[in-house]
Amino acid sequence: MTQAEAEWLLAECRRKIDALDVQLRDLLNRRAQLAEQIRQTKDVLGLAVHQPQRESEILEKITAENPGPLSSEAVRAIFRSIIQEIRELEAKGAGTHE
């Protein structure tokens, strides 16, 4: 690989990562919106918002068929963080933009 090819590849990979980051952001916001709908529905049904068993199910499901290269523990850590952030959003009771 020449230096010019390497520079082009670096720029192309960064462009693709930037695009993926935007998609990830949008997907996370969609997930948060759905979680807010779930919170509102649980309020109507008189159910607890925090359900540790459901969170365990999510973590097991998301790591069960993880193809890598991220380890299952890395994926689990990322999703724990996502769940925690959404739980904090639910505690505020509204999905407002900062």
PDB file of N, CA and C in Angstrom:
ATOM      1  N   MET A   1       0.859  -1.175   0.000  1.00  0.00           N
ATOM      2  CA  MET A   1       0.000   0.000   0.000  1.00  0.00           C
ATOM      3  C   MET A   1       0.904   1.236   0.000  1.00  0.00           C
ATOM      4  N   THR A   2       0.591   2.147  -0.865  1.00  0.00           N
ATOM      5  CA  THR A   2       1.369   3.387  -0.938  1.00  0.00           C
ATOM      6  C   THR A   2       0.892   4.353   0.147  1.00  0.00           C
ATOM      7  N   GLN A   3       1.657   5.396   0.366  1.00  0.00           N
ATOM      8  CA  GLN A   3       1.263   6.410   1.342  1.00  0.00           C
ATOM      9  C   GLN A   3      -0.041   7.082   0.904  1.00  0.00           C
ATOM     10  N   ALA A   4      -0.176   7.354  -0.380  1.00  0.00           N
ATOM     11  CA  ALA A   4      -1.407   7.984  -0.883  1.00  0.00           C
ATOM     12  C   ALA A   4      -2.613   7.075  -0.665  1.00  0.00           C
ATOM     13  N   GLU A   5      -2.441   5.790  -0.921  1.00  0.00           N
ATOM     14  CA  GLU A   5      -3.535   4.832  -0.697  1.00  0.00           C
ATOM     15  C   GLU A   5      -3.883   4.745   0.783  1.00  0.00           C
ATOM     16  N   ALA A   6      -2.869   4.761   1.634  1.00  0.00           N
ATOM     17  CA  ALA A   6      -3.101   4.703   3.072  1.00  0.00           C
ATOM     18  C   ALA A   6      -3.845   5.938   3.559  1.00  0.00           C
ATOM     19  N   GLU A   7      -3.460   7.098   3.048  1.00  0.00           N
ATOM     20  CA  GLU A   7      -4.147   8.340   3.430  1.00  0.00           C
ATOM     21  C   GLU A   7      -5.590   8.325   2.960  1.00  0.00           C
ATOM     22  N   TRP A   8      -5.823   7.838   1.750  1.00  0.00           N
ATOM     23  CA  TRP A   8      -7.190   7.742   1.236  1.00  0.00           C
ATOM     24  C   TRP A   8      -8.009   6.776   2.093  1.00  0.00           C
ATOM     25  N   LEU A   9      -7.419   5.615   2.420  1.00  0.00           N
ATOM     26  CA  LEU A   9      -8.123   4.611   3.218  1.00  0.00           C
ATOM     27  C   LEU A   9      -8.457   5.155   4.604  1.00  0.00           C
ATOM     28  N   LEU A  10      -7.512   5.858   5.206  1.00  0.00           N
ATOM     29  CA  LEU A  10      -7.758   6.456   6.512  1.00  0.00           C
ATOM     30  C   LEU A  10      -8.938   7.428   6.448  1.00  0.00           C
ATOM     31  N   ALA A  11      -8.940   8.289   5.468  1.00  0.00           N
ATOM     32  CA  ALA A  11     -10.027   9.262   5.311  1.00  0.00           C
ATOM     33  C   ALA A  11     -11.353   8.554   5.052  1.00  0.00           C
ATOM     34  N   GLU A  12     -11.342   7.518   4.232  1.00  0.00           N
ATOM     35  CA  GLU A  12     -12.563   6.774   3.911  1.00  0.00           C
ATOM     36  C   GLU A  12     -13.112   6.063   5.151  1.00  0.00           C
ATOM     37  N   CYS A  13     -12.240   5.445   5.923  1.00  0.00           N
ATOM     38  CA  CYS A  13     -12.680   4.765   7.143  1.00  0.00           C
ATOM     39  C   CYS A  13     -13.259   5.755   8.143  1.00  0.00           C
ATOM     40  N   ARG A  14     -12.624   6.905   8.265  1.00  0.00           N
ATOM     41  CA  ARG A  14     -13.147   7.935   9.174  1.00  0.00           C
ATOM     42  C   ARG A  14     -14.492   8.455   8.699  1.00  0.00           C
ATOM     43  N   ARG A  15     -14.655   8.616   7.398  1.00  0.00           N
ATOM     44  CA  ARG A  15     -15.949   9.067   6.852  1.00  0.00           C
ATOM     45  C   ARG A  15     -17.030   8.052   7.175  1.00  0.00           C
ATOM     46  N   LYS A  16     -16.712   6.769   7.026  1.00  0.00           N
ATOM     47  CA  LYS A  16     -17.685   5.720   7.327  1.00  0.00           C
ATOM     48  C   LYS A  16     -18.018   5.680   8.817  1.00  0.00           C
ATOM     49  N   ILE A  17     -17.017   5.857   9.671  1.00  0.00           N
ATOM     50  CA  ILE A  17     -17.269   5.884  11.113  1.00  0.00           C
ATOM     51  C   ILE A  17     -18.147   7.072  11.471  1.00  0.00           C
ATOM     52  N   ASP A  18     -17.878   8.233  10.883  1.00  0.00           N
ATOM     53  CA  ASP A  18     -18.712   9.415  11.136  1.00  0.00           C
ATOM     54  C   ASP A  18     -20.168   9.142  10.770  1.00  0.00           C
ATOM     55  N   ALA A  19     -20.385   8.482   9.642  1.00  0.00           N
ATOM     56  CA  ALA A  19     -21.754   8.163   9.216  1.00  0.00           C
ATOM     57  C   ALA A  19     -22.394   7.168  10.176  1.00  0.00           C
ATOM     58  N   LEU A  20     -21.635   6.179  10.601  1.00  0.00           N
ATOM     59  CA  LEU A  20     -22.160   5.210  11.566  1.00  0.00           C
ATOM     60  C   LEU A  20     -22.486   5.869  12.898  1.00  0.00           C
ATOM     61  N   ASP A  21     -21.658   6.814  13.320  1.00  0.00           N
ATOM     62  CA  ASP A  21     -21.926   7.520  14.574  1.00  0.00           C
ATOM     63  C   ASP A  21     -23.260   8.251  14.529  1.00  0.00           C
ATOM     64  N   VAL A  22     -23.567   8.864  13.403  1.00  0.00           N
ATOM     65  CA  VAL A  22     -24.858   9.552  13.256  1.00  0.00           C
ATOM     66  C   VAL A  22     -26.001   8.535  13.316  1.00  0.00           C
ATOM     67  N   GLN A  23     -25.829   7.397  12.649  1.00  0.00           N
ATOM     68  CA  GLN A  23     -26.857   6.353  12.683  1.00  0.00           C
ATOM     69  C   GLN A  23     -27.039   5.822  14.103  1.00  0.00           C
ATOM     70  N   LEU A  24     -25.924   5.602  14.816  1.00  0.00           N
ATOM     71  CA  LEU A  24     -26.011   5.127  16.201  1.00  0.00           C
ATOM     72  C   LEU A  24     -26.750   6.130  17.082  1.00  0.00           C
ATOM     73  N   ARG A  25     -26.423   7.410  16.925  1.00  0.00           N
ATOM     74  CA  ARG A  25     -27.108   8.450  17.688  1.00  0.00           C
ATOM     75  C   ARG A  25     -28.611   8.418  17.438  1.00  0.00           C
ATOM     76  N   ASP A  26     -28.971   8.316  16.161  1.00  0.00           N
ATOM     77  CA  ASP A  26     -30.391   8.306  15.808  1.00  0.00           C
ATOM     78  C   ASP A  26     -31.090   7.068  16.357  1.00  0.00           C
ATOM     79  N   LEU A  27     -30.432   5.923  16.282  1.00  0.00           N
ATOM     80  CA  LEU A  27     -31.011   4.688  16.836  1.00  0.00           C
ATOM     81  C   LEU A  27     -31.157   4.775  18.349  1.00  0.00           C
ATOM     82  N   LEU A  28     -30.169   5.344  19.024  1.00  0.00           N
ATOM     83  CA  LEU A  28     -30.262   5.498  20.480  1.00  0.00           C
ATOM     84  C   LEU A  28     -31.411   6.420  20.865  1.00  0.00           C
ATOM     85  N   ASN A  29     -31.607   7.487  20.098  1.00  0.00           N
ATOM     86  CA  ASN A  29     -32.730   8.383  20.378  1.00  0.00           C
ATOM     87  C   ASN A  29     -34.071   7.703  20.119  1.00  0.00           C
ATOM     88  N   ARG A  30     -34.137   6.880  19.081  1.00  0.00           N
ATOM     89  CA  ARG A  30     -35.374   6.116  18.825  1.00  0.00           C
ATOM     90  C   ARG A  30     -35.630   5.142  19.971  1.00  0.00           C
ATOM     91  N   ARG A  31     -34.566   4.490  20.450  1.00  0.00           N
ATOM     92  CA  ARG A  31     -34.706   3.557  21.573  1.00  0.00           C
ATOM     93  C   ARG A  31     -35.214   4.297  22.814  1.00  0.00           C
ATOM     94  N   ALA A  32     -34.685   5.483  23.055  1.00  0.00           N
ATOM     95  CA  ALA A  32     -35.109   6.277  24.210  1.00  0.00           C
ATOM     96  C   ALA A  32     -36.585   6.676  24.090  1.00  0.00           C
ATOM     97  N   GLN A  33     -37.018   7.015  22.880  1.00  0.00           N
ATOM     98  CA  GLN A  33     -38.423   7.362  22.680  1.00  0.00           C
ATOM     99  C   GLN A  33     -39.335   6.174  22.978  1.00  0.00           C
ATOM    100  N   LEU A  34     -38.928   4.993  22.536  1.00  0.00           N
ATOM    101  CA  LEU A  34     -39.720   3.794  22.825  1.00  0.00           C
ATOM    102  C   LEU A  34     -39.729   3.492  24.320  1.00  0.00           C
ATOM    103  N   ALA A  35     -38.591   3.686  24.968  1.00  0.00           N
ATOM    104  CA  ALA A  35     -38.523   3.462  26.417  1.00  0.00           C
ATOM    105  C   ALA A  35     -39.456   4.426  27.147  1.00  0.00           C
ATOM    106  N   GLU A  36     -39.560   5.654  26.651  1.00  0.00           N
ATOM    107  CA  GLU A  36     -40.486   6.619  27.255  1.00  0.00           C
ATOM    108  C   GLU A  36     -41.930   6.159  27.079  1.00  0.00           C
ATOM    109  N   GLN A  37     -42.261   5.616  25.917  1.00  0.00           N
ATOM    110  CA  GLN A  37     -43.617   5.084  25.720  1.00  0.00           C
ATOM    111  C   GLN A  37     -43.873   3.926  26.683  1.00  0.00           C
ATOM    112  N   ILE A  38     -42.872   3.093  26.882  1.00  0.00           N
ATOM    113  CA  ILE A  38     -43.002   1.979  27.821  1.00  0.00           C
ATOM    114  C   ILE A  38     -43.214   2.517  29.230  1.00  0.00           C
ATOM    115  N   ARG A  39     -42.447   3.550  29.621  1.00  0.00           N
ATOM    116  CA  ARG A  39     -42.599   4.128  30.961  1.00  0.00           C
ATOM    117  C   ARG A  39     -44.024   4.639  31.162  1.00  0.00           C
ATOM    118  N   GLN A  40     -44.543   5.347  30.165  1.00  0.00           N
ATOM    119  CA  GLN A  40     -45.898   5.879  30.276  1.00  0.00           C
ATOM    120  C   GLN A  40     -46.921   4.750  30.378  1.00  0.00           C
ATOM    121  N   THR A  41     -46.721   3.695  29.611  1.00  0.00           N
ATOM    122  CA  THR A  41     -47.632   2.551  29.646  1.00  0.00           C
ATOM    123  C   THR A  41     -47.571   1.853  31.003  1.00  0.00           C
ATOM    124  N   LYS A  42     -46.373   1.718  31.551  1.00  0.00           N
ATOM    125  CA  LYS A  42     -46.227   1.101  32.869  1.00  0.00           C
ATOM    126  C   LYS A  42     -46.925   1.935  33.942  1.00  0.00           C
ATOM    127  N   ASP A  43     -46.868   3.271  33.795  1.00  0.00           N
ATOM    128  CA  ASP A  43     -47.576   4.137  34.743  1.00  0.00           C
ATOM    129  C   ASP A  43     -49.069   3.825  34.736  1.00  0.00           C
ATOM    130  N   VAL A  44     -49.642   3.691  33.550  1.00  0.00           N
ATOM    131  CA  VAL A  44     -51.072   3.396  33.417  1.00  0.00           C
ATOM    132  C   VAL A  44     -51.395   2.030  34.015  1.00  0.00           C
ATOM    133  N   LEU A  45     -50.510   1.062  33.790  1.00  0.00           N
ATOM    134  CA  LEU A  45     -50.737  -0.299  34.272  1.00  0.00           C
ATOM    135  C   LEU A  45     -50.336  -0.505  35.731  1.00  0.00           C
ATOM    136  N   GLY A  46     -49.714   0.512  36.323  1.00  0.00           N
ATOM    137  CA  GLY A  46     -49.287   0.403  37.709  1.00  0.00           C
ATOM    138  C   GLY A  46     -48.084  -0.509  37.905  1.00  0.00           C
ATOM    139  N   LEU A  47     -47.250  -0.621  36.876  1.00  0.00           N
ATOM    140  CA  LEU A  47     -46.070  -1.477  36.948  1.00  0.00           C
ATOM    141  C   LEU A  47     -44.841  -0.662  37.329  1.00  0.00           C
ATOM    142  N   ALA A  48     -43.888  -1.324  37.957  1.00  0.00           N
ATOM    143  CA  ALA A  48     -42.624  -0.674  38.296  1.00  0.00           C
ATOM    144  C   ALA A  48     -41.870  -0.340  37.018  1.00  0.00           C
ATOM    145  N   VAL A  49     -41.266   0.827  36.989  1.00  0.00           N
ATOM    146  CA  VAL A  49     -40.500   1.223  35.811  1.00  0.00           C
ATOM    147  C   VAL A  49     -39.238   0.373  35.705  1.00  0.00           C
ATOM    148  N   HIS A  50     -38.533   0.234  36.808  1.00  0.00           N
ATOM    149  CA  HIS A  50     -37.282  -0.529  36.796  1.00  0.00           C
ATOM    150  C   HIS A  50     -37.594  -2.009  37.008  1.00  0.00           C
ATOM    151  N   GLN A  51     -37.230  -2.812  36.026  1.00  0.00           N
ATOM    152  CA  GLN A  51     -37.453  -4.255  36.090  1.00  0.00           C
ATOM    153  C   GLN A  51     -36.132  -4.963  35.783  1.00  0.00           C
ATOM    154  N   PRO A  52     -35.366  -5.288  36.843  1.00  0.00           N
ATOM    155  CA  PRO A  52     -34.047  -5.899  36.655  1.00  0.00           C
ATOM    156  C   PRO A  52     -34.076  -7.172  35.812  1.00  0.00           C
ATOM    157  N   GLN A  53     -35.130  -7.960  35.920  1.00  0.00           N
ATOM    158  CA  GLN A  53     -35.221  -9.197  35.132  1.00  0.00           C
ATOM    159  C   GLN A  53     -35.247  -8.886  33.635  1.00  0.00           C
ATOM    160  N   ARG A  54     -35.975  -7.860  33.248  1.00  0.00           N
ATOM    161  CA  ARG A  54     -36.035  -7.468  31.836  1.00  0.00           C
ATOM    162  C   ARG A  54     -34.667  -7.001  31.356  1.00  0.00           C
ATOM    163  N   GLU A  55     -33.974  -6.244  32.192  1.00  0.00           N
ATOM    164  CA  GLU A  55     -32.636  -5.788  31.812  1.00  0.00           C
ATOM    165  C   GLU A  55     -31.695  -6.972  31.625  1.00  0.00           C
ATOM    166  N   SER A  56     -31.795  -7.967  32.497  1.00  0.00           N
ATOM    167  CA  SER A  56     -30.972  -9.177  32.360  1.00  0.00           C
ATOM    168  C   SER A  56     -31.291  -9.896  31.058  1.00  0.00           C
ATOM    169  N   GLU A  57     -32.575  -9.975  30.721  1.00  0.00           N
ATOM    170  CA  GLU A  57     -32.982 -10.610  29.465  1.00  0.00           C
ATOM    171  C   GLU A  57     -32.391  -9.874  28.262  1.00  0.00           C
ATOM    172  N   ILE A  58     -32.420  -8.547  28.298  1.00  0.00           N
ATOM    173  CA  ILE A  58     -31.869  -7.744  27.204  1.00  0.00           C
ATOM    174  C   ILE A  58     -30.381  -8.046  27.042  1.00  0.00           C
ATOM    175  N   LEU A  59     -29.648  -8.047  28.150  1.00  0.00           N
ATOM    176  CA  LEU A  59     -28.205  -8.276  28.095  1.00  0.00           C
ATOM    177  C   LEU A  59     -27.883  -9.684  27.601  1.00  0.00           C
ATOM    178  N   GLU A  60     -28.659 -10.661  28.032  1.00  0.00           N
ATOM    179  CA  GLU A  60     -28.423 -12.035  27.563  1.00  0.00           C
ATOM    180  C   GLU A  60     -28.711 -12.159  26.073  1.00  0.00           C
ATOM    181  N   LYS A  61     -29.816 -11.570  25.644  1.00  0.00           N
ATOM    182  CA  LYS A  61     -30.220 -11.655  24.241  1.00  0.00           C
ATOM    183  C   LYS A  61     -29.203 -10.967  23.321  1.00  0.00           C
ATOM    184  N   ILE A  62     -28.720  -9.813  23.746  1.00  0.00           N
ATOM    185  CA  ILE A  62     -27.836  -9.030  22.885  1.00  0.00           C
ATOM    186  C   ILE A  62     -26.440  -9.644  22.781  1.00  0.00           C
ATOM    187  N   THR A  63     -26.054 -10.422  23.781  1.00  0.00           N
ATOM    188  CA  THR A  63     -24.719 -11.025  23.742  1.00  0.00           C
ATOM    189  C   THR A  63     -24.731 -12.473  23.270  1.00  0.00           C
ATOM    190  N   ALA A  64     -25.888 -13.079  23.204  1.00  0.00           N
ATOM    191  CA  ALA A  64     -25.985 -14.511  22.886  1.00  0.00           C
ATOM    192  C   ALA A  64     -25.365 -14.866  21.539  1.00  0.00           C
ATOM    193  N   GLU A  65     -25.592 -14.073  20.547  1.00  0.00           N
ATOM    194  CA  GLU A  65     -25.085 -14.384  19.207  1.00  0.00           C
ATOM    195  C   GLU A  65     -24.151 -13.296  18.709  1.00  0.00           C
ATOM    196  N   ASN A  66     -23.387 -12.723  19.623  1.00  0.00           N
ATOM    197  CA  ASN A  66     -22.452 -11.662  19.271  1.00  0.00           C
ATOM    198  C   ASN A  66     -21.345 -12.209  18.365  1.00  0.00           C
ATOM    199  N   PRO A  67     -21.248 -11.711  17.120  1.00  0.00           N
ATOM    200  CA  PRO A  67     -20.239 -12.221  16.192  1.00  0.00           C
ATOM    201  C   PRO A  67     -18.857 -11.597  16.368  1.00  0.00           C
ATOM    202  N   GLY A  68     -18.737 -10.559  17.226  1.00  0.00           N
ATOM    203  CA  GLY A  68     -17.457  -9.892  17.386  1.00  0.00           C
ATOM    204  C   GLY A  68     -17.246  -8.883  16.275  1.00  0.00           C
ATOM    205  N   PRO A  69     -16.182  -8.152  16.272  1.00  0.00           N
ATOM    206  CA  PRO A  69     -14.976  -8.365  17.059  1.00  0.00           C
ATOM    207  C   PRO A  69     -15.063  -7.873  18.499  1.00  0.00           C
ATOM    208  N   LEU A  70     -16.086  -7.114  18.879  1.00  0.00           N
ATOM    209  CA  LEU A  70     -16.230  -6.754  20.282  1.00  0.00           C
ATOM    210  C   LEU A  70     -16.555  -8.007  21.083  1.00  0.00           C
ATOM    211  N   SER A  71     -15.950  -8.118  22.252  1.00  0.00           N
ATOM    212  CA  SER A  71     -16.248  -9.254  23.119  1.00  0.00           C
ATOM    213  C   SER A  71     -17.667  -9.120  23.661  1.00  0.00           C
ATOM    214  N   SER A  72     -18.229 -10.227  24.099  1.00  0.00           N
ATOM    215  CA  SER A  72     -19.567 -10.181  24.684  1.00  0.00           C
ATOM    216  C   SER A  72     -19.577  -9.291  25.918  1.00  0.00           C
ATOM    217  N   GLU A  73     -18.487  -9.291  26.691  1.00  0.00           N
ATOM    218  CA  GLU A  73     -18.427  -8.430  27.878  1.00  0.00           C
ATOM    219  C   GLU A  73     -18.390  -6.959  27.478  1.00  0.00           C
ATOM    220  N   ALA A  74     -17.709  -6.630  26.390  1.00  0.00           N
ATOM    221  CA  ALA A  74     -17.692  -5.250  25.915  1.00  0.00           C
ATOM    222  C   ALA A  74     -19.092  -4.818  25.465  1.00  0.00           C
ATOM    223  N   VAL A  75     -19.776  -5.682  24.741  1.00  0.00           N
ATOM    224  CA  VAL A  75     -21.147  -5.387  24.295  1.00  0.00           C
ATOM    225  C   VAL A  75     -22.052  -5.225  25.509  1.00  0.00           C
ATOM    226  N   ARG A  76     -21.884  -6.109  26.483  1.00  0.00           N
ATOM    227  CA  ARG A  76     -22.680  -6.036  27.722  1.00  0.00           C
ATOM    228  C   ARG A  76     -22.445  -4.694  28.422  1.00  0.00           C
ATOM    229  N   ALA A  77     -21.204  -4.255  28.504  1.00  0.00           N
ATOM    230  CA  ALA A  77     -20.878  -2.985  29.163  1.00  0.00           C
ATOM    231  C   ALA A  77     -21.508  -1.806  28.426  1.00  0.00           C
ATOM    232  N   ILE A  78     -21.458  -1.836  27.109  1.00  0.00           N
ATOM    233  CA  ILE A  78     -22.062  -0.765  26.305  1.00  0.00           C
ATOM    234  C   ILE A  78     -23.571  -0.715  26.550  1.00  0.00           C
ATOM    235  N   PHE A  79     -24.211  -1.871  26.545  1.00  0.00           N
ATOM    236  CA  PHE A  79     -25.661  -1.888  26.743  1.00  0.00           C
ATOM    237  C   PHE A  79     -26.050  -1.554  28.179  1.00  0.00           C
ATOM    238  N   ARG A  80     -25.214  -1.909  29.144  1.00  0.00           N
ATOM    239  CA  ARG A  80     -25.487  -1.475  30.527  1.00  0.00           C
ATOM    240  C   ARG A  80     -25.499   0.048  30.591  1.00  0.00           C
ATOM    241  N   SER A  81     -24.550   0.664  29.899  1.00  0.00           N
ATOM    242  CA  SER A  81     -24.484   2.120  29.876  1.00  0.00           C
ATOM    243  C   SER A  81     -25.718   2.716  29.195  1.00  0.00           C
ATOM    244  N   ILE A  82     -26.126   2.139  28.082  1.00  0.00           N
ATOM    245  CA  ILE A  82     -27.332   2.606  27.380  1.00  0.00           C
ATOM    246  C   ILE A  82     -28.538   2.487  28.295  1.00  0.00           C
ATOM    247  N   ILE A  83     -28.693   1.342  28.941  1.00  0.00           N
ATOM    248  CA  ILE A  83     -29.830   1.116  29.834  1.00  0.00           C
ATOM    249  C   ILE A  83     -29.806   2.112  30.988  1.00  0.00           C
ATOM    250  N   GLN A  84     -28.625   2.363  31.559  1.00  0.00           N
ATOM    251  CA  GLN A  84     -28.514   3.309  32.662  1.00  0.00           C
ATOM    252  C   GLN A  84     -28.900   4.723  32.223  1.00  0.00           C
ATOM    253  N   GLU A  85     -28.425   5.140  31.071  1.00  0.00           N
ATOM    254  CA  GLU A  85     -28.767   6.483  30.577  1.00  0.00           C
ATOM    255  C   GLU A  85     -30.265   6.614  30.340  1.00  0.00           C
ATOM    256  N   ILE A  86     -30.878   5.577  29.801  1.00  0.00           N
ATOM    257  CA  ILE A  86     -32.318   5.635  29.550  1.00  0.00           C
ATOM    258  C   ILE A  86     -33.089   5.577  30.865  1.00  0.00           C
ATOM    259  N   ARG A  87     -32.587   4.819  31.823  1.00  0.00           N
ATOM    260  CA  ARG A  87     -33.225   4.780  33.146  1.00  0.00           C
ATOM    261  C   ARG A  87     -33.202   6.171  33.784  1.00  0.00           C
ATOM    262  N   GLU A  88     -32.088   6.880  33.642  1.00  0.00           N
ATOM    263  CA  GLU A  88     -32.003   8.246  34.178  1.00  0.00           C
ATOM    264  C   GLU A  88     -32.976   9.173  33.449  1.00  0.00           C
ATOM    265  N   LEU A  89     -33.114   8.981  32.147  1.00  0.00           N
ATOM    266  CA  LEU A  89     -34.072   9.771  31.385  1.00  0.00           C
ATOM    267  C   LEU A  89     -35.500   9.481  31.861  1.00  0.00           C
ATOM    268  N   GLU A  90     -35.787   8.214  32.099  1.00  0.00           N
ATOM    269  CA  GLU A  90     -37.113   7.830  32.596  1.00  0.00           C
ATOM    270  C   GLU A  90     -37.371   8.438  33.971  1.00  0.00           C
ATOM    271  N   ALA A  91     -36.346   8.497  34.800  1.00  0.00           N
ATOM    272  CA  ALA A  91     -36.506   9.068  36.145  1.00  0.00           C
ATOM    273  C   ALA A  91     -36.874  10.548  36.074  1.00  0.00           C
ATOM    274  N   LYS A  92     -36.380  11.225  35.053  1.00  0.00           N
ATOM    275  CA  LYS A  92     -36.735  12.632  34.859  1.00  0.00           C
ATOM    276  C   LYS A  92     -38.172  12.770  34.368  1.00  0.00           C
ATOM    277  N   GLY A  93     -38.679  11.681  33.780  1.00  0.00           N
ATOM    278  CA  GLY A  93     -40.070  11.679  33.356  1.00  0.00           C
ATOM    279  C   GLY A  93     -40.333  12.284  32.000  1.00  0.00           C
ATOM    280  N   ALA A  94     -39.275  12.707  31.316  1.00  0.00           N
ATOM    281  CA  ALA A  94     -39.487  13.302  29.998  1.00  0.00           C
ATOM    282  C   ALA A  94     -38.222  13.185  29.180  1.00  0.00           C
ATOM    283  N   GLY A  95     -38.399  12.999  27.893  1.00  0.00           N
ATOM    284  CA  GLY A  95     -37.269  12.921  26.989  1.00  0.00           C
ATOM    285  C   GLY A  95     -36.991  14.245  26.333  1.00  0.00           C
ATOM    286  N   THR A  96     -36.396  15.160  27.059  1.00  0.00           N
ATOM    287  CA  THR A  96     -36.121  16.482  26.495  1.00  0.00           C
ATOM    288  C   THR A  96     -34.720  16.539  25.936  1.00  0.00           C
ATOM    289  N   HIS A  97     -34.535  17.367  24.970  1.00  0.00           N
ATOM    290  CA  HIS A  97     -33.237  17.556  24.324  1.00  0.00           C
ATOM    291  C   HIS A  97     -32.461  18.595  25.115  1.00  0.00           C
ATOM    292  N   GLU A  98     -31.174  18.307  25.377  1.00  0.00           N
ATOM    293  CA  GLU A  98     -30.342  19.272  26.114  1.00  0.00           C
ATOM    294  C   GLU A  98     -29.634  20.199  25.179  1.00  0.00           C
TER     295      GLU A  98
END
